[in-house]
Amino acid sequence: MIVPLFPGIPGFPELMIMLLMSLLYFVVPILIIVAVYNYLDGKRAYDERITELEQRVAELEDRQS
């Protein structure tokens, strides 16, 4: 009996399982982190605050003139 020196090459089902596991371990957490960041960034409402500050600056400049 001849014992192979290295195991066989993974077949299609094994490759699909490896791909699925890599998606679960890498892609899904990254998507969750991006979604949480965008959610928290949207709650801060930077655009509204900047618009209010620009209006306030314009009012103060009008008073000075």
PDB file of N, CA and C in Angstrom:
ATOM      1  N   MET A   1       0.844  -1.181   0.000  1.00  0.00           N
ATOM      2  CA  MET A   1       0.000   0.000   0.000  1.00  0.00           C
ATOM      3  C   MET A   1       0.891   1.246   0.000  1.00  0.00           C
ATOM      4  N   ILE A   2       0.620   2.149  -0.936  1.00  0.00           N
ATOM      5  CA  ILE A   2       1.400   3.371  -1.058  1.00  0.00           C
ATOM      6  C   ILE A   2       0.629   4.498  -0.371  1.00  0.00           C
ATOM      7  N   VAL A   3       1.279   5.162   0.582  1.00  0.00           N
ATOM      8  CA  VAL A   3       0.668   6.269   1.304  1.00  0.00           C
ATOM      9  C   VAL A   3       1.068   7.569   0.596  1.00  0.00           C
ATOM     10  N   PRO A   4       0.080   8.398   0.237  1.00  0.00           N
ATOM     11  CA  PRO A   4       0.432   9.667  -0.426  1.00  0.00           C
ATOM     12  C   PRO A   4       1.175  10.596   0.531  1.00  0.00           C
ATOM     13  N   LEU A   5       2.086  11.358  -0.021  1.00  0.00           N
ATOM     14  CA  LEU A   5       2.875  12.280   0.799  1.00  0.00           C
ATOM     15  C   LEU A   5       2.124  13.566   1.125  1.00  0.00           C
ATOM     16  N   PHE A   6       1.100  13.871   0.349  1.00  0.00           N
ATOM     17  CA  PHE A   6       0.314  15.078   0.609  1.00  0.00           C
ATOM     18  C   PHE A   6      -1.149  14.742   0.374  1.00  0.00           C
ATOM     19  N   PRO A   7      -2.036  15.444   1.103  1.00  0.00           N
ATOM     20  CA  PRO A   7      -3.462  15.167   0.917  1.00  0.00           C
ATOM     21  C   PRO A   7      -3.939  15.649  -0.450  1.00  0.00           C
ATOM     22  N   GLY A   8      -5.111  15.196  -0.835  1.00  0.00           N
ATOM     23  CA  GLY A   8      -5.661  15.557  -2.135  1.00  0.00           C
ATOM     24  C   GLY A   8      -6.036  17.021  -2.238  1.00  0.00           C
ATOM     25  N   ILE A   9      -6.190  17.488  -3.456  1.00  0.00           N
ATOM     26  CA  ILE A   9      -6.608  18.858  -3.721  1.00  0.00           C
ATOM     27  C   ILE A   9      -8.095  18.962  -3.400  1.00  0.00           C
ATOM     28  N   PRO A  10      -8.521  20.059  -2.710  1.00  0.00           N
ATOM     29  CA  PRO A  10      -9.934  20.179  -2.382  1.00  0.00           C
ATOM     30  C   PRO A  10     -10.799  20.235  -3.640  1.00  0.00           C
ATOM     31  N   GLY A  11     -11.940  19.595  -3.559  1.00  0.00           N
ATOM     32  CA  GLY A  11     -12.870  19.600  -4.677  1.00  0.00           C
ATOM     33  C   GLY A  11     -13.775  20.812  -4.632  1.00  0.00           C
ATOM     34  N   PHE A  12     -14.755  20.840  -5.522  1.00  0.00           N
ATOM     35  CA  PHE A  12     -15.661  21.980  -5.630  1.00  0.00           C
ATOM     36  C   PHE A  12     -16.447  22.240  -4.341  1.00  0.00           C
ATOM     37  N   PRO A  13     -17.045  21.224  -3.706  1.00  0.00           N
ATOM     38  CA  PRO A  13     -17.799  21.508  -2.466  1.00  0.00           C
ATOM     39  C   PRO A  13     -16.914  22.098  -1.366  1.00  0.00           C
ATOM     40  N   GLU A  14     -15.708  21.598  -1.233  1.00  0.00           N
ATOM     41  CA  GLU A  14     -14.811  22.137  -0.217  1.00  0.00           C
ATOM     42  C   GLU A  14     -14.429  23.576  -0.517  1.00  0.00           C
ATOM     43  N   LEU A  15     -14.196  23.882  -1.793  1.00  0.00           N
ATOM     44  CA  LEU A  15     -13.866  25.258  -2.167  1.00  0.00           C
ATOM     45  C   LEU A  15     -15.033  26.201  -1.907  1.00  0.00           C
ATOM     46  N   MET A  16     -16.242  25.745  -2.156  1.00  0.00           N
ATOM     47  CA  MET A  16     -17.418  26.580  -1.887  1.00  0.00           C
ATOM     48  C   MET A  16     -17.580  26.829  -0.386  1.00  0.00           C
ATOM     49  N   ILE A  17     -17.323  25.813   0.417  1.00  0.00           N
ATOM     50  CA  ILE A  17     -17.404  25.991   1.875  1.00  0.00           C
ATOM     51  C   ILE A  17     -16.335  26.970   2.333  1.00  0.00           C
ATOM     52  N   MET A  18     -15.129  26.875   1.785  1.00  0.00           N
ATOM     53  CA  MET A  18     -14.063  27.815   2.151  1.00  0.00           C
ATOM     54  C   MET A  18     -14.423  29.239   1.740  1.00  0.00           C
ATOM     55  N   LEU A  19     -15.025  29.396   0.577  1.00  0.00           N
ATOM     56  CA  LEU A  19     -15.448  30.718   0.120  1.00  0.00           C
ATOM     57  C   LEU A  19     -16.534  31.283   1.023  1.00  0.00           C
ATOM     58  N   LEU A  20     -17.505  30.470   1.365  1.00  0.00           N
ATOM     59  CA  LEU A  20     -18.583  30.907   2.254  1.00  0.00           C
ATOM     60  C   LEU A  20     -18.043  31.303   3.621  1.00  0.00           C
ATOM     61  N   MET A  21     -17.138  30.529   4.149  1.00  0.00           N
ATOM     62  CA  MET A  21     -16.562  30.839   5.460  1.00  0.00           C
ATOM     63  C   MET A  21     -15.745  32.128   5.410  1.00  0.00           C
ATOM     64  N   SER A  22     -15.011  32.332   4.322  1.00  0.00           N
ATOM     65  CA  SER A  22     -14.250  33.579   4.207  1.00  0.00           C
ATOM     66  C   SER A  22     -15.182  34.772   4.115  1.00  0.00           C
ATOM     67  N   LEU A  23     -16.311  34.613   3.424  1.00  0.00           N
ATOM     68  CA  LEU A  23     -17.292  35.697   3.379  1.00  0.00           C
ATOM     69  C   LEU A  23     -17.854  35.987   4.760  1.00  0.00           C
ATOM     70  N   LEU A  24     -18.165  34.941   5.496  1.00  0.00           N
ATOM     71  CA  LEU A  24     -18.728  35.134   6.831  1.00  0.00           C
ATOM     72  C   LEU A  24     -17.726  35.761   7.786  1.00  0.00           C
ATOM     73  N   TYR A  25     -16.479  35.388   7.687  1.00  0.00           N
ATOM     74  CA  TYR A  25     -15.475  35.869   8.630  1.00  0.00           C
ATOM     75  C   TYR A  25     -14.893  37.234   8.275  1.00  0.00           C
ATOM     76  N   PHE A  26     -14.913  37.614   7.008  1.00  0.00           N
ATOM     77  CA  PHE A  26     -14.274  38.862   6.615  1.00  0.00           C
ATOM     78  C   PHE A  26     -15.248  39.905   6.076  1.00  0.00           C
ATOM     79  N   VAL A  27     -16.073  39.537   5.129  1.00  0.00           N
ATOM     80  CA  VAL A  27     -16.920  40.509   4.443  1.00  0.00           C
ATOM     81  C   VAL A  27     -18.076  40.969   5.332  1.00  0.00           C
ATOM     82  N   VAL A  28     -18.748  40.050   5.985  1.00  0.00           N
ATOM     83  CA  VAL A  28     -19.906  40.415   6.809  1.00  0.00           C
ATOM     84  C   VAL A  28     -19.515  41.359   7.942  1.00  0.00           C
ATOM     85  N   PRO A  29     -18.446  41.098   8.712  1.00  0.00           N
ATOM     86  CA  PRO A  29     -18.075  42.068   9.751  1.00  0.00           C
ATOM     87  C   PRO A  29     -17.707  43.440   9.198  1.00  0.00           C
ATOM     88  N   ILE A  30     -17.042  43.471   8.048  1.00  0.00           N
ATOM     89  CA  ILE A  30     -16.700  44.761   7.444  1.00  0.00           C
ATOM     90  C   ILE A  30     -17.967  45.512   7.054  1.00  0.00           C
ATOM     91  N   LEU A  31     -18.934  44.826   6.474  1.00  0.00           N
ATOM     92  CA  LEU A  31     -20.198  45.482   6.122  1.00  0.00           C
ATOM     93  C   LEU A  31     -20.928  45.988   7.357  1.00  0.00           C
ATOM     94  N   ILE A  32     -20.895  45.232   8.432  1.00  0.00           N
ATOM     95  CA  ILE A  32     -21.541  45.677   9.668  1.00  0.00           C
ATOM     96  C   ILE A  32     -20.850  46.920  10.212  1.00  0.00           C
ATOM     97  N   ILE A  33     -19.530  46.941  10.201  1.00  0.00           N
ATOM     98  CA  ILE A  33     -18.789  48.107  10.682  1.00  0.00           C
ATOM     99  C   ILE A  33     -19.110  49.336   9.835  1.00  0.00           C
ATOM    100  N   VAL A  34     -19.157  49.191   8.530  1.00  0.00           N
ATOM    101  CA  VAL A  34     -19.476  50.315   7.641  1.00  0.00           C
ATOM    102  C   VAL A  34     -20.899  50.804   7.881  1.00  0.00           C
ATOM    103  N   ALA A  35     -21.839  49.890   8.059  1.00  0.00           N
ATOM    104  CA  ALA A  35     -23.230  50.282   8.302  1.00  0.00           C
ATOM    105  C   ALA A  35     -23.367  51.034   9.624  1.00  0.00           C
ATOM    106  N   VAL A  36     -22.707  50.572  10.658  1.00  0.00           N
ATOM    107  CA  VAL A  36     -22.767  51.260  11.956  1.00  0.00           C
ATOM    108  C   VAL A  36     -22.131  52.638  11.860  1.00  0.00           C
ATOM    109  N   TYR A  37     -21.001  52.738  11.172  1.00  0.00           N
ATOM    110  CA  TYR A  37     -20.345  54.035  11.007  1.00  0.00           C
ATOM    111  C   TYR A  37     -21.248  55.020  10.264  1.00  0.00           C
ATOM    112  N   ASN A  38     -21.856  54.569   9.171  1.00  0.00           N
ATOM    113  CA  ASN A  38     -22.744  55.452   8.413  1.00  0.00           C
ATOM    114  C   ASN A  38     -23.973  55.843   9.227  1.00  0.00           C
ATOM    115  N   TYR A  39     -24.496  54.930  10.020  1.00  0.00           N
ATOM    116  CA  TYR A  39     -25.651  55.233  10.870  1.00  0.00           C
ATOM    117  C   TYR A  39     -25.285  56.291  11.905  1.00  0.00           C
ATOM    118  N   LEU A  40     -24.164  56.108  12.572  1.00  0.00           N
ATOM    119  CA  LEU A  40     -23.753  57.075  13.591  1.00  0.00           C
ATOM    120  C   LEU A  40     -23.373  58.408  12.968  1.00  0.00           C
ATOM    121  N   ASP A  41     -22.762  58.384  11.805  1.00  0.00           N
ATOM    122  CA  ASP A  41     -22.388  59.620  11.122  1.00  0.00           C
ATOM    123  C   ASP A  41     -23.638  60.384  10.691  1.00  0.00           C
ATOM    124  N   GLY A  42     -24.669  59.679  10.270  1.00  0.00           N
ATOM    125  CA  GLY A  42     -25.922  60.329   9.873  1.00  0.00           C
ATOM    126  C   GLY A  42     -26.639  60.954  11.046  1.00  0.00           C
ATOM    127  N   LYS A  43     -26.503  60.363  12.229  1.00  0.00           N
ATOM    128  CA  LYS A  43     -27.159  60.914  13.407  1.00  0.00           C
ATOM    129  C   LYS A  43     -26.535  62.227  13.839  1.00  0.00           C
ATOM    130  N   ARG A  44     -25.291  62.439  13.502  1.00  0.00           N
ATOM    131  CA  ARG A  44     -24.611  63.666  13.924  1.00  0.00           C
ATOM    132  C   ARG A  44     -25.086  64.873  13.127  1.00  0.00           C
ATOM    133  N   ALA A  45     -25.629  64.646  11.969  1.00  0.00           N
ATOM    134  CA  ALA A  45     -26.228  65.695  11.125  1.00  0.00           C
ATOM    135  C   ALA A  45     -25.255  66.848  10.869  1.00  0.00           C
ATOM    136  N   TYR A  46     -24.115  66.515  10.307  1.00  0.00           N
ATOM    137  CA  TYR A  46     -23.122  67.540  10.020  1.00  0.00           C
ATOM    138  C   TYR A  46     -23.638  68.577   9.029  1.00  0.00           C
ATOM    139  N   ASP A  47     -24.357  68.145   8.029  1.00  0.00           N
ATOM    140  CA  ASP A  47     -24.830  69.083   7.003  1.00  0.00           C
ATOM    141  C   ASP A  47     -25.745  70.140   7.602  1.00  0.00           C
ATOM    142  N   GLU A  48     -26.645  69.717   8.478  1.00  0.00           N
ATOM    143  CA  GLU A  48     -27.552  70.681   9.107  1.00  0.00           C
ATOM    144  C   GLU A  48     -26.783  71.656   9.982  1.00  0.00           C
ATOM    145  N   ARG A  49     -25.832  71.166  10.732  1.00  0.00           N
ATOM    146  CA  ARG A  49     -25.047  72.036  11.609  1.00  0.00           C
ATOM    147  C   ARG A  49     -24.229  73.030  10.804  1.00  0.00           C
ATOM    148  N   ILE A  50     -23.641  72.585   9.699  1.00  0.00           N
ATOM    149  CA  ILE A  50     -22.845  73.484   8.855  1.00  0.00           C
ATOM    150  C   ILE A  50     -23.733  74.558   8.252  1.00  0.00           C
ATOM    151  N   THR A  51     -24.931  74.176   7.793  1.00  0.00           N
ATOM    152  CA  THR A  51     -25.861  75.148   7.215  1.00  0.00           C
ATOM    153  C   THR A  51     -26.268  76.187   8.256  1.00  0.00           C
ATOM    154  N   GLU A  52     -26.571  75.744   9.465  1.00  0.00           N
ATOM    155  CA  GLU A  52     -26.941  76.683  10.532  1.00  0.00           C
ATOM    156  C   GLU A  52     -25.794  77.635  10.852  1.00  0.00           C
ATOM    157  N   LEU A  53     -24.571  77.110  10.907  1.00  0.00           N
ATOM    158  CA  LEU A  53     -23.421  77.968  11.187  1.00  0.00           C
ATOM    159  C   LEU A  53     -23.176  78.967  10.064  1.00  0.00           C
ATOM    160  N   GLU A  54     -23.344  78.540   8.825  1.00  0.00           N
ATOM    161  CA  GLU A  54     -23.181  79.471   7.700  1.00  0.00           C
ATOM    162  C   GLU A  54     -24.218  80.580   7.753  1.00  0.00           C
ATOM    163  N   GLN A  55     -25.449  80.242   8.113  1.00  0.00           N
ATOM    164  CA  GLN A  55     -26.485  81.261   8.244  1.00  0.00           C
ATOM    165  C   GLN A  55     -26.158  82.230   9.371  1.00  0.00           C
ATOM    166  N   ARG A  56     -25.658  81.694  10.479  1.00  0.00           N
ATOM    167  CA  ARG A  56     -25.305  82.542  11.620  1.00  0.00           C
ATOM    168  C   ARG A  56     -24.157  83.482  11.248  1.00  0.00           C
ATOM    169  N   VAL A  57     -23.158  82.993  10.520  1.00  0.00           N
ATOM    170  CA  VAL A  57     -22.038  83.828  10.079  1.00  0.00           C
ATOM    171  C   VAL A  57     -22.543  84.923   9.146  1.00  0.00           C
ATOM    172  N   ALA A  58     -23.447  84.565   8.242  1.00  0.00           N
ATOM    173  CA  ALA A  58     -24.004  85.567   7.323  1.00  0.00           C
ATOM    174  C   ALA A  58     -24.766  86.645   8.094  1.00  0.00           C
ATOM    175  N   GLU A  59     -25.528  86.270   9.111  1.00  0.00           N
ATOM    176  CA  GLU A  59     -26.245  87.248   9.931  1.00  0.00           C
ATOM    177  C   GLU A  59     -25.271  88.170  10.652  1.00  0.00           C
ATOM    178  N   LEU A  60     -24.214  87.624  11.219  1.00  0.00           N
ATOM    179  CA  LEU A  60     -23.228  88.443  11.928  1.00  0.00           C
ATOM    180  C   LEU A  60     -22.490  89.376  10.980  1.00  0.00           C
ATOM    181  N   GLU A  61     -22.194  88.908   9.767  1.00  0.00           N
ATOM    182  CA  GLU A  61     -21.543  89.783   8.795  1.00  0.00           C
ATOM    183  C   GLU A  61     -22.466  90.912   8.365  1.00  0.00           C
ATOM    184  N   ASP A  62     -23.769  90.643   8.250  1.00  0.00           N
ATOM    185  CA  ASP A  62     -24.728  91.687   7.890  1.00  0.00           C
ATOM    186  C   ASP A  62     -24.832  92.730   8.994  1.00  0.00           C
ATOM    187  N   ARG A  63     -24.744  92.305  10.228  1.00  0.00           N
ATOM    188  CA  ARG A  63     -24.824  93.254  11.349  1.00  0.00           C
ATOM    189  C   ARG A  63     -23.607  94.178  11.356  1.00  0.00           C
ATOM    190  N   GLN A  64     -22.449  93.659  11.016  1.00  0.00           N
ATOM    191  CA  GLN A  64     -21.233  94.464  11.052  1.00  0.00           C
ATOM    192  C   GLN A  64     -21.225  95.514   9.953  1.00  0.00           C
ATOM    193  N   SER A  65     -21.851  95.247   8.843  1.00  0.00           N
ATOM    194  CA  SER A  65     -21.787  96.213   7.752  1.00  0.00           C
ATOM    195  C   SER A  65     -22.738  97.344   7.926  1.00  0.00           C
TER     196      SER A  65
END
